[in-house]
Protein backbone atom coordinates (compact mmCIF):
# COMPACT_ATOMS: atom_id res chain seq x y z
CA UNK A 1 -17.15 -19.53 33.85
CA UNK A 2 -13.49 -20.52 33.42
CA UNK A 3 -10.84 -19.37 33.60
CA UNK A 4 -10.62 -18.22 37.22
CA UNK A 5 -7.23 -17.50 38.76
CA UNK A 6 -6.84 -19.20 42.16
CA UNK A 7 -6.35 -17.22 45.35
CA UNK A 8 -2.72 -17.42 46.49
CA UNK A 9 -0.75 -17.50 49.75
CA UNK A 10 2.24 -15.55 51.01
CA UNK A 11 5.01 -17.24 52.95
CA UNK A 12 5.30 -16.52 56.68
CA UNK A 13 7.55 -17.96 59.38
CA UNK A 14 5.03 -19.11 61.99
CA UNK A 15 1.43 -20.28 61.95
CA UNK A 16 -0.80 -17.22 62.46
CA UNK A 17 -3.85 -17.50 64.69
CA UNK A 18 -6.50 -16.65 62.09
CA UNK A 19 -9.02 -19.35 62.96
CA UNK A 20 -8.38 -21.96 60.26
CA UNK A 21 -5.38 -24.12 59.36
CA UNK A 22 -5.26 -26.98 56.85
CA UNK A 23 -2.54 -29.18 55.33
CA UNK A 24 -0.61 -27.81 52.36
CA UNK A 25 -1.06 -30.41 49.63
CA UNK A 26 1.75 -31.07 47.19
CA UNK A 27 0.07 -31.54 43.83
CA UNK A 28 -1.50 -29.57 40.98
CA UNK A 29 -3.61 -26.63 42.13
CA UNK A 30 -6.89 -26.99 40.27
CA UNK A 31 -10.23 -25.21 40.07
CA UNK A 32 -12.99 -27.61 39.04
CA UNK A 33 -15.94 -26.31 37.03
CA UNK A 34 -18.93 -28.64 36.83
CA UNK A 35 -22.17 -28.06 34.97
CA UNK A 36 -24.07 -31.34 34.76
CA UNK A 37 -22.01 -33.74 32.63
CA UNK A 38 -19.53 -31.02 31.72
CA UNK A 39 -16.39 -30.91 33.86
CA UNK A 40 -13.38 -28.70 33.27
CA UNK A 41 -10.16 -28.68 35.27
CA UNK A 42 -8.50 -25.26 35.34
CA UNK A 43 -4.85 -25.06 36.34
CA UNK A 44 -3.07 -22.25 38.14
CA UNK A 45 -1.43 -21.09 34.90
CA UNK A 46 -4.73 -21.52 33.02
CA UNK A 47 -3.44 -24.42 30.92
CA UNK A 48 -6.16 -26.99 30.14
CA UNK A 49 -5.80 -30.03 32.41
CA UNK A 50 -9.02 -31.96 31.79
CA UNK A 51 -7.74 -34.38 29.14
CA UNK A 52 -4.93 -35.67 31.35
CA UNK A 53 -7.16 -36.98 34.16
CA UNK A 54 -10.15 -38.83 32.65
CA UNK A 55 -10.61 -41.01 35.73
CA UNK A 56 -10.87 -37.94 37.94
CA UNK A 57 -13.44 -36.31 35.66
CA UNK A 58 -15.69 -39.35 36.10
CA UNK A 59 -15.16 -39.36 39.88
CA UNK A 60 -16.00 -35.65 40.12
CA UNK A 61 -19.28 -36.28 38.27
CA UNK A 62 -20.17 -38.80 40.96
CA UNK A 63 -19.14 -36.81 44.03
CA UNK A 64 -19.59 -33.10 43.32
CA UNK A 65 -22.86 -31.15 43.19
CA UNK A 66 -24.24 -30.94 39.65
CA UNK A 67 -23.43 -27.25 39.29
CA UNK A 68 -20.48 -25.89 41.21
CA UNK A 69 -16.98 -24.42 41.14
CA UNK A 70 -14.53 -25.96 43.61
CA UNK A 71 -10.95 -24.98 44.43
CA UNK A 72 -8.60 -27.78 45.41
CA UNK A 73 -5.58 -29.90 44.57
CA UNK A 74 -5.02 -32.90 42.35
CA UNK A 75 -2.70 -35.30 44.17
CA UNK A 76 -1.31 -38.74 43.45
CA UNK A 77 -1.01 -41.21 46.31
CA UNK A 78 1.33 -44.16 46.04
CA UNK A 79 2.59 -46.44 48.80
CA UNK A 80 0.93 -44.34 51.49
CA UNK A 81 2.40 -40.95 50.56
CA UNK A 82 2.09 -38.21 47.97
CA UNK A 83 4.17 -38.82 44.85
CA UNK A 84 4.70 -35.61 42.88
CA UNK A 85 7.13 -37.21 40.42
CA UNK A 86 4.48 -39.73 39.37
CA UNK A 87 1.90 -36.93 39.16
CA UNK A 88 4.11 -35.00 36.73
CA UNK A 89 4.25 -38.05 34.48
CA UNK A 90 0.47 -37.80 34.04
CA UNK A 91 0.97 -34.81 31.73
CA UNK A 92 1.52 -36.59 28.43
CA UNK A 93 0.61 -35.63 24.85
CA UNK A 94 -0.35 -39.15 23.69
CA UNK A 95 -3.96 -40.16 24.34
CA UNK A 96 -2.99 -43.83 24.63
CA UNK A 97 -0.44 -42.99 27.31
CA UNK A 98 -2.95 -40.81 29.17
CA UNK A 99 -5.39 -43.74 29.25
CA UNK A 100 -2.74 -46.18 30.47
CA UNK A 101 -1.52 -43.87 33.23
CA UNK A 102 -5.09 -43.19 34.36
CA UNK A 103 -5.37 -46.92 35.04
CA UNK A 104 -1.90 -47.41 36.54
CA UNK A 105 -1.55 -44.24 38.64
CA UNK A 106 -5.01 -42.79 39.32
CA UNK A 107 -5.21 -39.43 41.08
CA UNK A 108 -7.33 -37.97 43.87
CA UNK A 109 -8.85 -34.53 44.40
CA UNK A 110 -8.69 -32.68 47.72
CA UNK A 111 -11.23 -29.83 47.90
CA UNK A 112 -10.60 -26.81 50.12
CA UNK A 113 -12.87 -24.01 48.90
CA UNK A 114 -16.27 -23.57 47.24
CA UNK A 115 -16.54 -20.66 44.79
CA UNK A 116 -19.99 -21.26 43.34
CA UNK A 117 -22.97 -23.51 43.98
CA UNK A 118 -25.96 -23.71 41.65
CA UNK A 119 -26.72 -20.07 40.75
CA UNK A 120 -24.84 -18.56 43.69
CA UNK A 121 -21.45 -16.88 43.33
CA UNK A 122 -19.85 -17.43 46.75
CA UNK A 123 -16.57 -15.60 46.20
CA UNK A 124 -17.74 -12.49 48.04
CA UNK A 125 -18.81 -14.38 51.14
CA UNK A 126 -16.54 -14.96 54.18
CA UNK A 127 -14.37 -18.07 54.03
CA UNK A 128 -16.05 -19.48 57.17
CA UNK A 129 -19.34 -19.55 55.26
CA UNK A 130 -17.77 -21.03 52.13
CA UNK A 131 -16.07 -23.74 54.20
CA UNK A 132 -19.34 -24.73 55.87
CA UNK A 133 -21.08 -24.91 52.48
CA UNK A 134 -18.19 -27.00 51.08
CA UNK A 135 -18.35 -29.51 53.92
CA UNK A 136 -22.10 -29.82 53.48
CA UNK A 137 -21.94 -30.07 49.67
CA UNK A 138 -19.34 -32.86 49.77
CA UNK A 139 -20.65 -34.65 52.85
CA UNK A 140 -21.35 -37.81 50.83
CA UNK A 141 -18.12 -37.71 48.81
CA UNK A 142 -15.62 -40.54 49.14
CA UNK A 143 -12.31 -41.74 47.71
CA UNK A 144 -10.95 -40.32 45.40
CA UNK A 145 -12.69 -37.02 46.22
CA UNK A 146 -12.07 -35.50 49.66
CA UNK A 147 -12.56 -32.35 51.70
CA UNK A 148 -9.28 -31.29 53.28
CA UNK A 149 -9.01 -31.68 57.05
CA UNK A 150 -8.88 -28.40 59.00
CA UNK A 151 -8.35 -27.22 62.54
CA UNK A 152 -8.70 -24.03 64.58
CA UNK A 153 -6.36 -25.38 67.27
CA UNK A 154 -2.83 -24.00 66.93
CA UNK A 155 -1.36 -26.86 68.93
CA UNK A 156 -2.90 -29.36 66.54
CA UNK A 157 -1.73 -27.26 63.58
CA UNK A 158 1.83 -27.36 64.95
CA UNK A 159 1.55 -31.13 65.26
CA UNK A 160 0.35 -31.40 61.65
CA UNK A 161 3.22 -29.23 60.47
CA UNK A 162 5.73 -31.53 62.13
CA UNK A 163 4.17 -34.92 61.32
CA UNK A 164 2.47 -34.60 57.95
CA UNK A 165 5.73 -34.05 56.09
CA UNK A 166 6.35 -37.75 56.53
CA UNK A 167 3.47 -38.43 54.14
CA UNK A 168 4.80 -36.05 51.49
CA UNK A 169 3.01 -32.82 52.47
CA UNK A 170 5.08 -29.64 52.55
CA UNK A 171 3.59 -27.51 55.33
CA UNK A 172 0.27 -25.93 56.27
CA UNK A 173 -1.99 -23.13 55.01
CA UNK A 174 -3.72 -20.61 57.28
CA UNK A 175 -6.85 -18.81 56.07
CA UNK A 176 -8.64 -15.85 57.68
CA UNK A 177 -12.24 -16.87 58.37
CA UNK A 178 -13.62 -13.47 57.37
CA UNK A 179 -11.84 -13.26 54.00
CA UNK A 180 -13.54 -13.16 50.62
CA UNK A 181 -12.12 -15.20 47.73
CA UNK A 182 -9.72 -12.92 45.85
CA UNK A 183 -8.35 -14.48 42.63
CA UNK A 184 -4.60 -14.06 42.10
CA UNK A 185 -4.19 -12.23 45.43
CA UNK A 186 -1.92 -13.49 48.22
CA UNK A 187 -4.42 -13.27 51.06
CA UNK A 188 -3.73 -16.67 52.63
CA UNK A 189 -0.62 -17.68 54.57
CA UNK A 190 1.66 -20.62 53.81
CA UNK A 191 4.05 -22.05 56.36
CA UNK A 192 6.67 -24.37 54.93
CA UNK A 193 9.69 -26.21 56.27
CA UNK A 194 13.06 -24.60 55.66
CA UNK A 195 16.32 -26.46 55.94
CA UNK A 196 19.84 -25.85 54.65
CA UNK A 197 22.25 -28.02 52.70
CA UNK A 198 25.75 -27.61 51.36
CA UNK A 199 25.82 -28.40 47.64
CA UNK A 200 28.36 -28.55 44.85
CA UNK A 201 27.87 -25.93 42.12
CA UNK A 202 28.58 -27.83 38.91
CA UNK A 203 27.12 -25.46 36.34
CA UNK A 204 24.82 -22.58 35.63
CA UNK A 205 22.22 -21.52 33.09
CA UNK A 206 22.08 -18.10 31.48
CA UNK A 207 19.24 -15.78 32.39
CA UNK A 208 16.52 -15.41 29.75
CA UNK A 209 17.70 -11.84 29.13
CA UNK A 210 21.21 -13.09 28.32
CA UNK A 211 24.60 -12.11 29.67
CA UNK A 212 23.86 -12.79 33.34
CA UNK A 213 23.43 -15.92 35.45
CA UNK A 214 19.92 -17.31 35.58
CA UNK A 215 20.36 -20.25 37.97
CA UNK A 216 23.04 -22.29 39.69
CA UNK A 217 22.92 -26.05 39.15
CA UNK A 218 23.33 -27.94 42.40
CA UNK A 219 24.74 -31.39 43.02
CA UNK A 220 25.19 -33.89 45.86
CA UNK A 221 27.45 -36.92 45.85
CA UNK A 222 25.63 -40.24 46.15
CA UNK A 223 26.71 -43.62 47.47
CA UNK A 224 27.22 -44.69 43.85
CA UNK A 225 30.11 -42.25 43.51
CA UNK A 226 28.18 -39.99 41.13
CA UNK A 227 27.34 -36.31 41.47
CA UNK A 228 23.55 -36.18 41.29
CA UNK A 229 21.74 -33.09 40.03
CA UNK A 230 19.43 -32.14 42.93
CA UNK A 231 17.99 -28.82 41.79
CA UNK A 232 18.75 -25.16 41.22
CA UNK A 233 19.19 -21.90 43.10
CA UNK A 234 17.63 -19.13 41.03
CA UNK A 235 16.38 -16.17 43.09
CA UNK A 236 19.00 -13.45 42.79
CA UNK A 237 18.90 -9.66 42.45
CA UNK A 238 20.03 -8.49 39.00
CA UNK A 239 23.25 -7.05 40.42
CA UNK A 240 24.07 -10.42 41.98
CA UNK A 241 23.41 -12.19 38.67
CA UNK A 242 26.00 -9.96 36.97
CA UNK A 243 28.46 -10.50 39.81
CA UNK A 244 28.07 -14.27 39.54
CA UNK A 245 29.32 -14.25 35.94
CA UNK A 246 32.71 -12.99 37.16
CA UNK A 247 32.70 -15.23 40.26
CA UNK A 248 32.09 -18.36 38.21
CA UNK A 249 34.30 -17.55 35.20
CA UNK A 250 37.51 -19.16 36.63
CA UNK A 251 35.66 -22.44 37.16
CA UNK A 252 34.22 -22.91 33.68
CA UNK A 253 35.06 -26.43 32.45
CA UNK A 254 36.34 -26.39 28.88
CA UNK A 255 36.41 -30.19 28.53
CA UNK A 256 32.88 -31.49 28.99
CA UNK A 257 34.01 -35.11 28.78
CA UNK A 258 35.61 -34.73 32.22
CA UNK A 259 32.53 -33.17 33.76
CA UNK A 260 30.26 -35.28 36.07
CA UNK A 261 27.27 -34.26 33.94
CA UNK A 262 29.05 -34.44 30.60
CA UNK A 263 26.41 -36.82 29.27
CA UNK A 264 23.75 -34.10 29.28
CA UNK A 265 24.17 -33.59 25.51
CA UNK A 266 23.31 -37.25 24.88
CA UNK A 267 19.53 -37.47 25.18
CA UNK A 268 19.74 -41.24 25.69
CA UNK A 269 21.49 -40.57 29.00
CA UNK A 270 18.39 -38.90 30.37
CA UNK A 271 16.53 -42.19 30.42
CA UNK A 272 18.74 -43.57 33.16
CA UNK A 273 18.69 -40.63 35.54
CA UNK A 274 18.27 -36.89 35.91
CA UNK A 275 20.61 -34.56 34.14
CA UNK A 276 20.39 -30.76 34.23
CA UNK A 277 19.91 -30.57 30.46
CA UNK A 278 17.06 -33.07 30.36
CA UNK A 279 13.97 -32.19 28.37
CA UNK A 280 10.87 -31.45 30.47
CA UNK A 281 7.24 -31.37 29.34
CA UNK A 282 6.84 -28.28 31.51
CA UNK A 283 9.69 -26.37 29.87
CA UNK A 284 7.66 -25.61 26.70
CA UNK A 285 10.75 -25.35 24.50
CA UNK A 286 12.87 -23.54 27.09
CA UNK A 287 16.62 -23.90 26.61
CA UNK A 288 17.81 -26.16 29.42
CA UNK A 289 21.46 -26.36 28.33
CA UNK A 290 24.05 -25.19 30.84
CA UNK A 291 27.56 -23.85 31.29
CA UNK A 292 29.58 -26.60 33.00
CA UNK A 293 31.76 -25.68 35.97
CA UNK A 294 34.51 -27.71 37.57
CA UNK A 295 32.80 -29.17 40.66
CA UNK A 296 34.94 -27.26 43.16
CA UNK A 297 32.62 -24.58 44.58
CA UNK A 298 30.37 -25.28 47.57
CA UNK A 299 27.27 -23.22 48.36
CA UNK A 300 24.86 -23.31 51.27
CA UNK A 301 21.22 -23.20 50.15
CA UNK A 302 17.88 -23.26 51.94
CA UNK A 303 15.24 -25.76 50.82
CA UNK A 304 11.85 -26.89 52.06
CA UNK A 305 11.78 -30.62 51.36
CA UNK A 306 13.00 -33.37 49.06
CA UNK A 307 10.98 -35.11 46.38
CA UNK A 308 12.77 -38.38 45.87
CA UNK A 309 16.45 -37.54 45.43
CA UNK A 310 16.13 -33.83 44.63
CA UNK A 311 14.78 -30.56 45.99
CA UNK A 312 11.05 -30.25 45.38
CA UNK A 313 11.22 -26.47 44.81
CA UNK A 314 13.87 -23.94 43.83
CA UNK A 315 16.51 -23.65 46.56
CA UNK A 316 17.50 -20.27 48.01
CA UNK A 317 21.12 -19.09 47.95
CA UNK A 318 22.46 -18.40 51.45
CA UNK A 319 26.27 -18.14 51.24
CA UNK A 320 29.40 -19.60 49.74
CA UNK A 321 31.15 -22.25 51.84
CA UNK A 322 34.91 -22.07 51.11
CA UNK A 323 35.44 -24.06 54.31
CA UNK A 324 33.67 -27.13 52.88
CA UNK A 325 35.13 -29.57 50.37
CA UNK A 326 32.96 -30.72 47.44
CA UNK A 327 33.47 -34.34 48.51
CA UNK A 328 31.71 -33.61 51.81
CA UNK A 329 28.49 -32.58 50.02
CA UNK A 330 26.56 -35.85 50.26
CA UNK A 331 22.97 -36.91 50.85
CA UNK A 332 23.87 -37.97 54.38
CA UNK A 333 23.66 -34.35 55.59
CA UNK A 334 19.96 -34.11 54.71
CA UNK A 335 17.29 -34.44 57.37
CA UNK A 336 14.76 -37.20 56.73
CA UNK A 337 11.22 -36.73 58.11
CA UNK A 338 9.66 -39.59 60.04
CA UNK A 339 7.45 -41.63 57.71
CA UNK A 340 3.68 -41.29 58.01
CA UNK A 341 0.99 -43.18 56.11
CA UNK A 342 -1.27 -40.73 54.27
CA UNK A 343 -4.26 -42.79 55.38
CA UNK A 344 -3.86 -41.08 58.77
CA UNK A 345 -4.75 -37.79 57.06
CA UNK A 346 -7.16 -38.88 54.32
CA UNK A 347 -9.09 -42.20 54.06
CA UNK A 348 -7.31 -43.17 50.82
CA UNK A 349 -7.41 -46.75 49.62
CA UNK A 350 -4.22 -46.68 47.53
């Protein structure tokens, strides 16, 4: 019975030889509970997801066993690649909007583990056994419900890691074949791309505890002559957060009208592009206002991959770059993966 916390993965540098590697899907981690005509979608943070994906609920009734619990990922495929931005838009409070988006941007479900089947709790069984049962249980499934591809060949896994990014995936997952399913435990391994970029620091947000820096707001100059907000760097020790307050103090911009992101206070501005103060459905009332800084500091950060024109995940602070000018921090420095149609990985029809 829901809720069940999903099993997690810890980051490692190389692909370990544990007998099973699969693509790392970039979507909403979801555990599906089905009992006849009842279907519930459980999210990683245990927020209810079912109402947002009515088209997927109907598809799962067609393609899953009548009584089962399946771990997987909700993904949105558009123009031959995963589109996480469009997937985020599916979370909307208005029922009319949910219905419209279900028609315009339907989602898919990629299954990668089987936790229960009929009356059998499978979580204590080895993953190799659960995988075999999953493949058998979903043998007749078709678009938009899939079983994730997998390989035991490290050479093939390396190839996937290099190529699949072009379709919007962000790495691979390795799973020990003898492992039981352990909710909320990091017993799997995730291998993600890591790159670096030099970014302008144009502001910061206070930490939730107050008085120390919570995150640095990062920008890159675009061809349009604007400084685009591309993400944040937020993982700092507490001592570093206190130190950053003093480091950044001389750069605080008193006149917001002269700041590249000065429009953040005008909510209408958010409709034309991303601003660091924009309201997010995922923020749940969180204060997203920021302290503006003169765009003079340059920082080197590590990131895994881009989603559109911004970092998909929180970037990691590496070092200050006093040798770089803010004007040199452009999108041109970023590495672009070779494009790949997702149909080469899954037989999608969208």
